[in-house]
Protein backbone atom coordinates (compact mmCIF):
# COMPACT_ATOMS: atom_id res chain seq x y z
CA MET A 1 17.40 54.57 -14.84
CA ILE A 2 17.17 50.91 -13.83
CA SER A 3 14.47 50.16 -11.26
CA THR A 4 15.28 47.72 -8.46
CA ASP A 5 11.94 47.73 -6.60
CA ASN A 6 10.52 44.70 -8.41
CA LYS A 7 9.99 41.82 -6.00
CA TYR A 8 7.98 38.72 -6.87
CA ASP A 9 7.38 35.20 -5.67
CA TYR A 10 8.03 33.79 -9.15
CA ILE A 11 9.28 35.06 -12.49
CA ILE A 12 8.35 33.31 -15.74
CA ILE A 13 10.76 33.93 -18.62
CA GLY A 14 8.88 33.83 -21.92
CA ALA A 15 5.23 34.43 -22.79
CA GLY A 16 4.98 31.54 -25.22
CA CYS A 17 2.90 28.39 -24.88
CA ALA A 18 4.80 27.07 -21.84
CA GLY A 19 5.00 30.37 -19.97
CA LEU A 20 1.35 31.26 -20.50
CA SER A 21 0.16 27.70 -19.76
CA LEU A 22 1.89 27.80 -16.38
CA ALA A 23 0.67 31.34 -15.71
CA TYR A 24 -2.91 30.23 -16.40
CA ARG A 25 -2.64 27.54 -13.70
CA LEU A 26 -1.36 30.11 -11.19
CA LEU A 27 -4.07 32.74 -11.74
CA ASN A 28 -6.06 31.67 -8.69
CA LYS A 29 -3.07 31.09 -6.41
CA ASN A 30 -1.91 33.81 -4.06
CA TYR A 31 1.51 34.44 -5.61
CA LYS A 32 2.95 37.66 -7.01
CA ILE A 33 4.21 36.74 -10.49
CA CYS A 34 6.06 38.53 -13.27
CA ILE A 35 6.19 37.30 -16.87
CA LEU A 36 9.11 38.66 -18.90
CA GLU A 37 8.89 38.46 -22.69
CA SER A 38 11.72 39.66 -24.93
CA ASN A 39 9.48 40.33 -27.95
CA LYS A 40 7.23 43.37 -28.32
CA ASN A 41 4.39 41.40 -29.90
CA ILE A 42 4.03 37.64 -29.38
CA ASN A 43 1.24 37.46 -31.97
CA GLU A 44 3.45 38.80 -34.75
CA LYS A 45 4.30 35.21 -35.72
CA ASN A 46 1.05 33.29 -35.37
CA LYS A 47 1.57 29.52 -35.12
CA LEU A 48 -0.71 26.53 -35.40
CA TRP A 49 -0.47 23.88 -32.68
CA SER A 50 -1.92 20.49 -33.62
CA PHE A 51 -2.39 17.39 -31.48
CA TRP A 52 -4.65 14.43 -30.75
CA ASP A 53 -7.38 14.81 -28.15
CA THR A 54 -5.85 12.32 -25.70
CA LYS A 55 -6.03 14.71 -22.74
CA LYS A 56 -8.65 17.34 -21.97
CA THR A 57 -7.21 20.80 -21.39
CA PRO A 58 -8.75 24.12 -20.27
CA PHE A 59 -8.41 25.34 -23.86
CA ASN A 60 -10.75 23.02 -25.77
CA HIS A 61 -13.06 25.95 -26.55
CA LEU A 62 -10.21 27.49 -28.58
CA ILE A 63 -9.98 24.55 -31.00
CA LYS A 64 -10.07 25.88 -34.56
CA LYS A 65 -10.77 22.58 -36.32
CA ARG A 66 -11.17 18.88 -35.51
CA TRP A 67 -10.71 15.86 -37.78
CA GLU A 68 -11.79 12.24 -37.37
CA SER A 69 -9.25 10.75 -39.77
CA LEU A 70 -5.78 11.36 -41.19
CA ILE A 71 -3.92 10.00 -44.22
CA ILE A 72 -0.35 8.67 -44.30
CA LYS A 73 1.22 8.06 -47.74
CA ASN A 74 4.39 6.50 -49.07
CA LYS A 75 4.86 6.11 -52.81
CA SER A 76 1.65 4.56 -54.17
CA GLU A 77 0.35 3.32 -50.80
CA SER A 78 -2.13 5.30 -48.72
CA ILE A 79 -3.50 4.40 -45.25
CA LYS A 80 -6.36 6.12 -43.43
CA ILE A 81 -5.75 6.64 -39.69
CA ASP A 82 -8.92 6.40 -37.61
CA CYS A 83 -9.14 9.33 -35.16
CA LYS A 84 -12.79 9.05 -34.14
CA ASP A 85 -11.95 8.35 -30.49
CA TYR A 86 -9.09 10.85 -30.37
CA ASN A 87 -9.80 13.67 -32.81
CA TYR A 88 -6.85 15.42 -34.39
CA GLN A 89 -7.25 19.12 -33.67
CA SER A 90 -5.58 22.52 -34.00
CA ILE A 91 -5.34 25.75 -32.00
CA ASN A 92 -4.09 29.11 -33.28
CA SER A 93 -1.38 30.47 -31.00
CA SER A 94 -2.86 33.98 -31.23
CA ASP A 95 -6.24 32.77 -29.91
CA PHE A 96 -4.46 30.95 -27.08
CA ASN A 97 -2.27 33.96 -26.24
CA ASN A 98 -5.13 36.47 -26.28
CA TYR A 99 -7.36 34.30 -24.08
CA ILE A 100 -4.75 33.91 -21.33
CA ILE A 101 -3.35 37.45 -21.55
CA ASN A 102 -6.86 38.85 -21.15
CA LYS A 103 -7.16 36.94 -17.86
CA ILE A 104 -3.66 37.94 -16.73
CA ASN A 105 -4.42 41.63 -17.32
CA LYS A 106 -7.36 41.37 -14.93
CA ASN A 107 -5.28 39.82 -12.13
CA ILE A 108 -3.58 42.26 -9.73
CA ASN A 109 -0.97 39.64 -8.74
CA PHE A 110 0.46 39.44 -12.27
CA ASP A 111 2.74 41.74 -14.24
CA LEU A 112 3.23 40.93 -17.94
CA ILE A 113 6.20 42.86 -19.34
CA PHE A 114 7.15 42.90 -23.03
CA ALA A 115 10.36 43.92 -24.83
CA GLU A 116 12.73 43.12 -21.96
CA LYS A 117 15.52 40.65 -22.60
CA VAL A 118 17.07 38.80 -19.69
CA GLU A 119 20.78 39.55 -19.40
CA ASN A 120 21.82 37.87 -16.16
CA ILE A 121 20.50 35.63 -13.38
CA LYS A 122 22.23 35.00 -10.07
CA LYS A 123 21.35 33.86 -6.57
CA ASN A 124 22.09 35.89 -3.46
CA ASN A 125 21.30 33.96 -0.27
CA ASN A 126 17.59 33.08 -0.49
CA GLU A 127 16.86 35.52 -3.29
CA VAL A 128 17.19 35.22 -7.07
CA ILE A 129 18.26 38.40 -8.86
CA LEU A 130 17.38 38.78 -12.53
CA THR A 131 18.75 41.66 -14.60
CA THR A 132 17.35 42.93 -17.91
CA SER A 133 18.38 45.89 -20.06
CA LYS A 134 15.84 48.05 -18.22
CA ASN A 135 15.26 46.66 -14.73
CA ILE A 136 16.43 44.46 -11.90
CA TYR A 137 13.96 41.90 -10.57
CA LYS A 138 14.02 39.75 -7.46
CA CYS A 139 12.13 36.54 -6.75
CA LYS A 140 12.20 33.18 -4.98
CA HIS A 141 12.31 31.00 -8.10
CA ILE A 142 12.40 31.28 -11.89
CA PHE A 143 10.55 29.29 -14.57
CA ASP A 144 12.54 29.59 -17.79
CA SER A 145 11.13 28.73 -21.23
CA SER A 146 13.93 30.36 -23.24
CA PRO A 147 15.53 28.26 -26.03
CA LYS A 148 18.89 27.32 -24.56
CA ILE A 149 20.34 23.97 -25.63
CA GLN A 150 24.00 23.42 -26.42
CA LYS A 151 23.57 20.37 -28.64
CA VAL A 152 20.59 18.44 -30.03
CA PHE A 153 20.69 15.07 -31.81
CA MET A 154 18.07 16.00 -34.40
CA TRP A 155 15.81 18.89 -35.38
CA GLN A 156 12.36 18.89 -36.89
CA LYS A 157 12.30 21.83 -39.29
CA PHE A 158 9.25 22.97 -41.19
CA PHE A 159 8.08 25.65 -43.60
CA GLY A 160 4.33 26.11 -43.95
CA ALA A 161 2.11 28.22 -46.18
CA TYR A 162 -1.56 29.05 -45.65
CA VAL A 163 -3.05 28.59 -49.10
CA GLU A 164 -6.42 29.85 -50.35
CA ALA A 165 -7.56 28.31 -53.63
CA GLU A 166 -10.12 29.78 -56.02
CA GLU A 167 -11.82 26.39 -56.39
CA GLU A 168 -12.75 23.64 -53.92
CA ILE A 169 -9.66 21.42 -54.19
CA PHE A 170 -9.02 20.19 -50.62
CA ASP A 171 -10.62 17.23 -48.82
CA GLU A 172 -11.44 18.98 -45.55
CA LYS A 173 -12.36 15.71 -43.80
CA SER A 174 -9.00 13.95 -44.20
CA PRO A 175 -5.76 15.87 -43.61
CA ILE A 176 -2.49 14.48 -44.93
CA PHE A 177 -0.58 13.50 -41.79
CA MET A 178 2.54 12.43 -43.68
CA GLU A 179 3.12 12.24 -47.42
CA PHE A 180 6.69 11.01 -47.73
CA SER A 181 8.75 12.44 -50.55
CA ASP A 182 10.80 10.23 -52.85
CA THR A 183 13.97 12.08 -51.86
CA GLU A 184 16.44 9.35 -51.01
CA ASN A 185 18.42 9.44 -47.77
CA LYS A 186 16.24 12.20 -46.33
CA PHE A 187 13.30 11.94 -43.94
CA HIS A 188 11.07 14.54 -45.56
CA PHE A 189 7.30 14.67 -45.85
CA MET A 190 4.43 16.99 -46.69
CA TYR A 191 1.75 17.79 -44.12
CA ILE A 192 -1.61 19.22 -45.21
CA LEU A 193 -4.29 20.52 -42.85
CA PRO A 194 -7.44 21.55 -44.75
CA PHE A 195 -9.67 24.01 -42.86
CA SER A 196 -12.18 24.13 -45.69
CA LYS A 197 -12.40 22.96 -49.28
CA LYS A 198 -10.54 26.11 -50.34
CA ILE A 199 -8.18 26.87 -47.44
CA ALA A 200 -5.35 24.68 -46.11
CA LEU A 201 -1.97 24.75 -44.41
CA ILE A 202 0.62 23.18 -46.72
CA GLU A 203 3.77 22.31 -44.80
CA SER A 204 7.14 20.87 -45.84
CA THR A 205 8.89 19.06 -42.95
CA TYR A 206 12.32 17.55 -42.31
CA PHE A 207 13.64 15.37 -39.50
CA SER A 208 17.38 15.85 -39.82
CA CYS A 209 20.68 16.08 -37.97
CA HIS A 210 21.95 18.49 -40.64
CA GLU A 211 21.22 22.07 -41.61
CA GLU A 212 18.55 21.43 -44.24
CA LYS A 213 17.42 24.32 -46.44
CA GLU A 214 16.20 22.53 -49.57
CA MET A 215 12.39 22.31 -49.84
CA LEU A 216 11.91 24.74 -46.94
CA ASP A 217 10.70 27.82 -48.79
CA LYS A 218 7.78 29.33 -50.70
CA ASN A 219 9.15 28.16 -54.07
CA PHE A 220 8.91 24.53 -53.00
CA ILE A 221 5.33 25.02 -51.78
CA ASP A 222 4.49 26.51 -55.19
CA SER A 223 6.07 23.57 -57.04
CA TYR A 224 4.22 21.10 -54.81
CA MET A 225 0.89 22.86 -55.43
CA GLN A 226 1.47 22.86 -59.20
CA LYS A 227 2.24 19.15 -59.16
CA LYS A 228 -0.55 18.19 -56.74
CA TYR A 229 -3.23 20.53 -58.08
CA PRO A 230 -2.24 21.37 -61.69
CA ASN A 231 -3.79 24.46 -63.27
CA LYS A 232 -5.53 25.43 -60.03
CA LYS A 233 -5.23 29.07 -59.00
CA TYR A 234 -4.42 29.99 -55.42
CA THR A 235 -2.82 32.64 -53.24
CA ILE A 236 -0.52 32.25 -50.24
CA GLN A 237 -1.95 34.28 -47.37
CA LYS A 238 0.97 33.87 -44.96
CA THR A 239 3.89 31.58 -44.18
CA GLU A 240 5.51 30.16 -41.05
CA PHE A 241 8.85 28.56 -40.26
CA GLY A 242 9.92 26.71 -37.15
CA LYS A 243 12.19 24.11 -35.65
CA ILE A 244 11.66 21.68 -32.78
CA PRO A 245 14.43 19.96 -30.79
CA MET A 246 14.26 16.15 -31.00
CA ASP A 247 16.48 14.49 -28.41
CA THR A 248 15.97 12.00 -25.58
CA LYS A 249 18.68 13.52 -23.37
CA ILE A 250 17.18 16.95 -22.68
CA ASN A 251 16.46 16.94 -18.95
CA SER A 252 16.87 20.67 -18.31
CA ILE A 253 19.03 20.34 -15.19
CA THR A 254 20.25 23.87 -14.42
CA GLU A 255 20.50 25.64 -11.08
CA ASP A 256 18.20 24.65 -8.22
CA TYR A 257 16.56 28.09 -8.38
CA ILE A 258 15.62 27.73 -12.07
CA THR A 259 13.04 25.31 -13.51
CA LYS A 260 13.17 24.93 -17.28
CA ILE A 261 9.76 24.63 -18.96
CA GLY A 262 8.47 24.04 -22.48
CA SER A 263 10.13 22.64 -25.60
CA TYR A 264 13.65 23.19 -24.31
CA SER A 265 13.03 21.43 -21.00
CA GLY A 266 12.63 17.99 -22.57
CA VAL A 267 8.81 17.82 -22.74
CA THR A 268 8.79 17.51 -26.54
CA ARG A 269 8.30 13.92 -27.63
CA ALA A 270 11.65 13.16 -29.24
CA SER A 271 10.37 10.86 -31.99
CA THR A 272 7.41 13.01 -33.09
CA GLY A 273 7.96 16.62 -32.04
CA TYR A 274 4.52 16.82 -30.39
CA THR A 275 4.66 19.25 -27.50
CA PHE A 276 1.37 21.04 -26.72
CA ILE A 277 -0.25 18.33 -24.57
CA ASN A 278 3.01 17.67 -22.72
CA ILE A 279 3.34 21.37 -21.92
CA GLN A 280 -0.13 21.22 -20.38
CA LYS A 281 0.82 18.17 -18.31
CA GLN A 282 4.01 19.89 -17.16
CA ALA A 283 2.10 23.05 -16.18
CA ASP A 284 -0.44 20.99 -14.20
CA LYS A 285 2.33 19.15 -12.37
CA LEU A 286 4.25 22.31 -11.45
CA ALA A 287 1.12 24.12 -10.28
CA ASN A 288 0.22 21.16 -8.07
CA ILE A 289 3.59 21.09 -6.27
CA MET A 290 3.72 24.82 -5.54
CA PRO A 291 5.65 26.31 -3.88
CA VAL A 292 8.57 25.02 -5.96
CA THR A 293 11.81 24.60 -4.00
CA SER A 294 15.21 23.06 -4.68
CA ASP A 295 13.90 19.82 -3.12
CA ASN A 296 10.91 19.35 -5.43
CA ASN A 297 12.24 21.14 -8.52
CA GLU A 298 10.79 19.27 -11.52
CA SER A 299 13.73 20.27 -13.73
CA LYS A 300 15.78 17.58 -11.99
CA LYS A 301 13.70 14.88 -13.65
CA TYR A 302 13.30 13.57 -17.19
CA PHE A 303 9.77 14.23 -18.42
CA HIS A 304 9.48 10.90 -20.27
CA SER A 305 9.89 7.38 -18.93
CA ILE A 306 13.13 5.50 -19.56
CA LEU A 307 11.26 3.02 -21.81
CA LEU A 308 9.82 5.74 -24.07
CA ARG A 309 13.18 7.51 -24.20
CA LYS A 310 14.84 4.27 -25.32
CA MET A 311 12.21 3.62 -27.99
CA ASP A 312 12.49 7.21 -29.21
CA SER A 313 16.28 7.00 -29.39
CA VAL A 314 15.94 3.93 -31.64
CA PHE A 315 13.44 5.81 -33.85
CA LEU A 316 15.81 8.77 -34.18
CA GLU A 317 18.84 6.57 -34.91
CA ILE A 318 16.98 4.83 -37.73
CA ILE A 319 15.68 8.13 -39.15
CA SER A 320 19.24 9.45 -39.12
CA ASN A 321 20.92 6.37 -40.62
CA ASN A 322 18.22 4.90 -42.86
CA PRO A 323 15.28 7.26 -43.49
CA GLU A 324 13.85 5.06 -46.28
CA TYR A 325 13.56 2.13 -43.90
CA MET A 326 11.82 4.32 -41.33
CA LYS A 327 9.24 5.46 -43.87
CA ASN A 328 8.30 1.82 -44.51
CA ALA A 329 8.28 1.05 -40.79
CA LEU A 330 5.80 3.85 -40.11
CA MET A 331 3.53 2.52 -42.83
CA ASP A 332 3.74 -0.89 -41.11
CA LEU A 333 2.77 0.77 -37.84
CA PHE A 334 -0.60 1.89 -39.23
CA ARG A 335 -1.57 -1.23 -41.18
CA THR A 336 -3.92 -2.31 -38.38
CA LYS A 337 -7.71 -1.91 -38.32
CA LYS A 338 -7.70 0.13 -35.09
CA HIS A 339 -5.29 2.98 -34.41
CA ASN A 340 -5.94 4.04 -30.81
CA PRO A 341 -2.74 2.38 -29.45
CA GLN A 342 -0.63 4.14 -32.09
CA ILE A 343 -2.25 7.51 -31.35
CA ARG A 344 -1.75 7.15 -27.60
CA PHE A 345 1.87 6.14 -28.19
CA LEU A 346 2.61 9.08 -30.49
CA SER A 347 0.78 11.44 -28.11
CA ASP A 348 2.86 10.32 -25.13
CA THR A 349 -0.08 8.74 -23.27
CA PRO A 350 0.47 4.99 -23.93
CA THR A 351 -0.44 2.15 -21.62
CA ILE A 352 1.94 -0.80 -21.19
CA LEU A 353 -0.35 -2.80 -23.49
CA ASP A 354 -0.10 -0.04 -26.11
CA ILE A 355 3.70 -0.19 -26.00
CA LEU A 356 3.63 -3.98 -26.42
CA LYS A 357 1.34 -3.60 -29.44
CA ILE A 358 3.67 -1.00 -30.99
CA ILE A 359 6.57 -3.43 -30.63
CA ILE A 360 4.48 -6.13 -32.33
CA TYR A 361 3.40 -3.85 -35.19
CA LEU A 362 6.95 -2.72 -36.02
CA PRO A 363 9.63 -4.91 -37.70
CA LYS A 364 11.07 -6.30 -34.46
CA ILE A 365 14.38 -7.80 -35.62
CA LYS A 366 15.62 -4.63 -37.30
CA PHE A 367 14.53 -2.38 -34.44
CA MET A 368 16.17 -4.73 -31.96
CA GLN A 369 19.44 -4.44 -33.89
CA TYR A 370 19.41 -0.70 -33.33
CA ALA A 371 18.34 -1.03 -29.71
CA LEU A 372 21.37 -3.28 -29.14
CA GLY A 373 23.68 -1.08 -31.21
CA ILE A 374 23.88 -3.55 -34.13
CA LYS A 375 23.31 -1.45 -37.26
CA LYS A 376 24.44 -3.72 -40.07
CA ASN A 377 22.17 -5.13 -42.76
CA LEU A 378 19.41 -2.65 -41.96
CA ASN A 379 18.69 -2.24 -45.65
CA ASP A 380 17.44 -5.83 -45.80
CA LYS A 381 13.67 -5.77 -45.45
C-alpha cells in the first residue's frame, strides 16, 4: 500500500555527489529533508573524483592522494605541469558517501531512502507532490540531480582500470594528465593516476560528439599496458566507465518548484569535464540562500559566466572539427614556466588577468576565427 503521510520541507532526488554535498550543508539547518535514491547501493560503483586544490572544501580529510606535478604528452613532446601551489588530488566516492551518510543517519530531520524511483512530480497550490513506485511524498521544493538532458553537444566518455603490477613500474610523483593518442580525427588521450609504484588508475578518455566505443574497454587497457610496460605482469583489480555532459547551454531551467543540481544542471566545466569543486560551490550557494523559492531559484541562472561559456564553446568546436589542432593548442597552453593561471582557468576559478594570459598563450588568430564563426584554413599552423 502506498503511504501518503510523508511531508518534508525539501526533497533531494539522488544520493550522488551533488545530492549528498547539498545535504551536508543542510545538516545543521532546521529543515525536514528527504533524500530519494533509485539505487539500492550507491557504493556498488565506486568512482574516483580528481581536481585541483583551488578551493578548500569540508572534505579535504578524505583526500586519497595528492600530487605536485602532472605530465601532458603529445607525440614525442612532454611537458611537466607545476601543481605545487594547487595540488592535484583525488577522493574515492565511497569514502565521500560513507562520511556524509554516517552524519545523515544521526540527524533526526533527515530521511535517506534507497531503491525508490521517482515516477511523477506535480505542483498542487503551494505543495509539490512527488510519486514513487512505493510512496507519495509532499514538500515545498525539490532539488533534482537526476540525469535528464535532451541533447548535449559533446560527451566525455572514459573507461578506467585499477591496475596492480608485480614490479614497481609507475612514477607515483607525476601522473599523466593527458597522453594524446596518434589516432587522427579523434580527441582521445590516456590518463594515468599512480597511487604507488605498483598501483595506478589507467584510463582511456574521449571527447566526442559521436557514440565512441573503440578504445573504451579492458582489451584496450591491456594493449596499452603491453606497449607501455612490455613484459611486466599485472592484474586488473576493478574497472569503471562513465560519461560527462560537455555543453555550454545547460542551464537547468525547469519548473519554479524544482532546482536542478549537479552535472546535469550545468555546473560541469564544458571544456574540461571537471565537476567536483563546482558542485561544492553550488551547494554552498544554495545553502546560503535558503529557503529556496521561485524568486531566488538558482536553476534560473547559468552557473558559468558568459565569457567562460564563450571560450568553452570555442574549445568544443575546435575539438569537434579539428582534434589534432586542439592537441597542439593545449601543448602551447602549458609551455610557460608557471602554470597557476592555466590551473585556475581549467578549475573554473580564473581571475580576469588569468583569462587574458590564457588568450595570450593560445594561438589567437585561429581561435578568433572560431569565435567569429570563421572555420576555414584551421589546418594551417
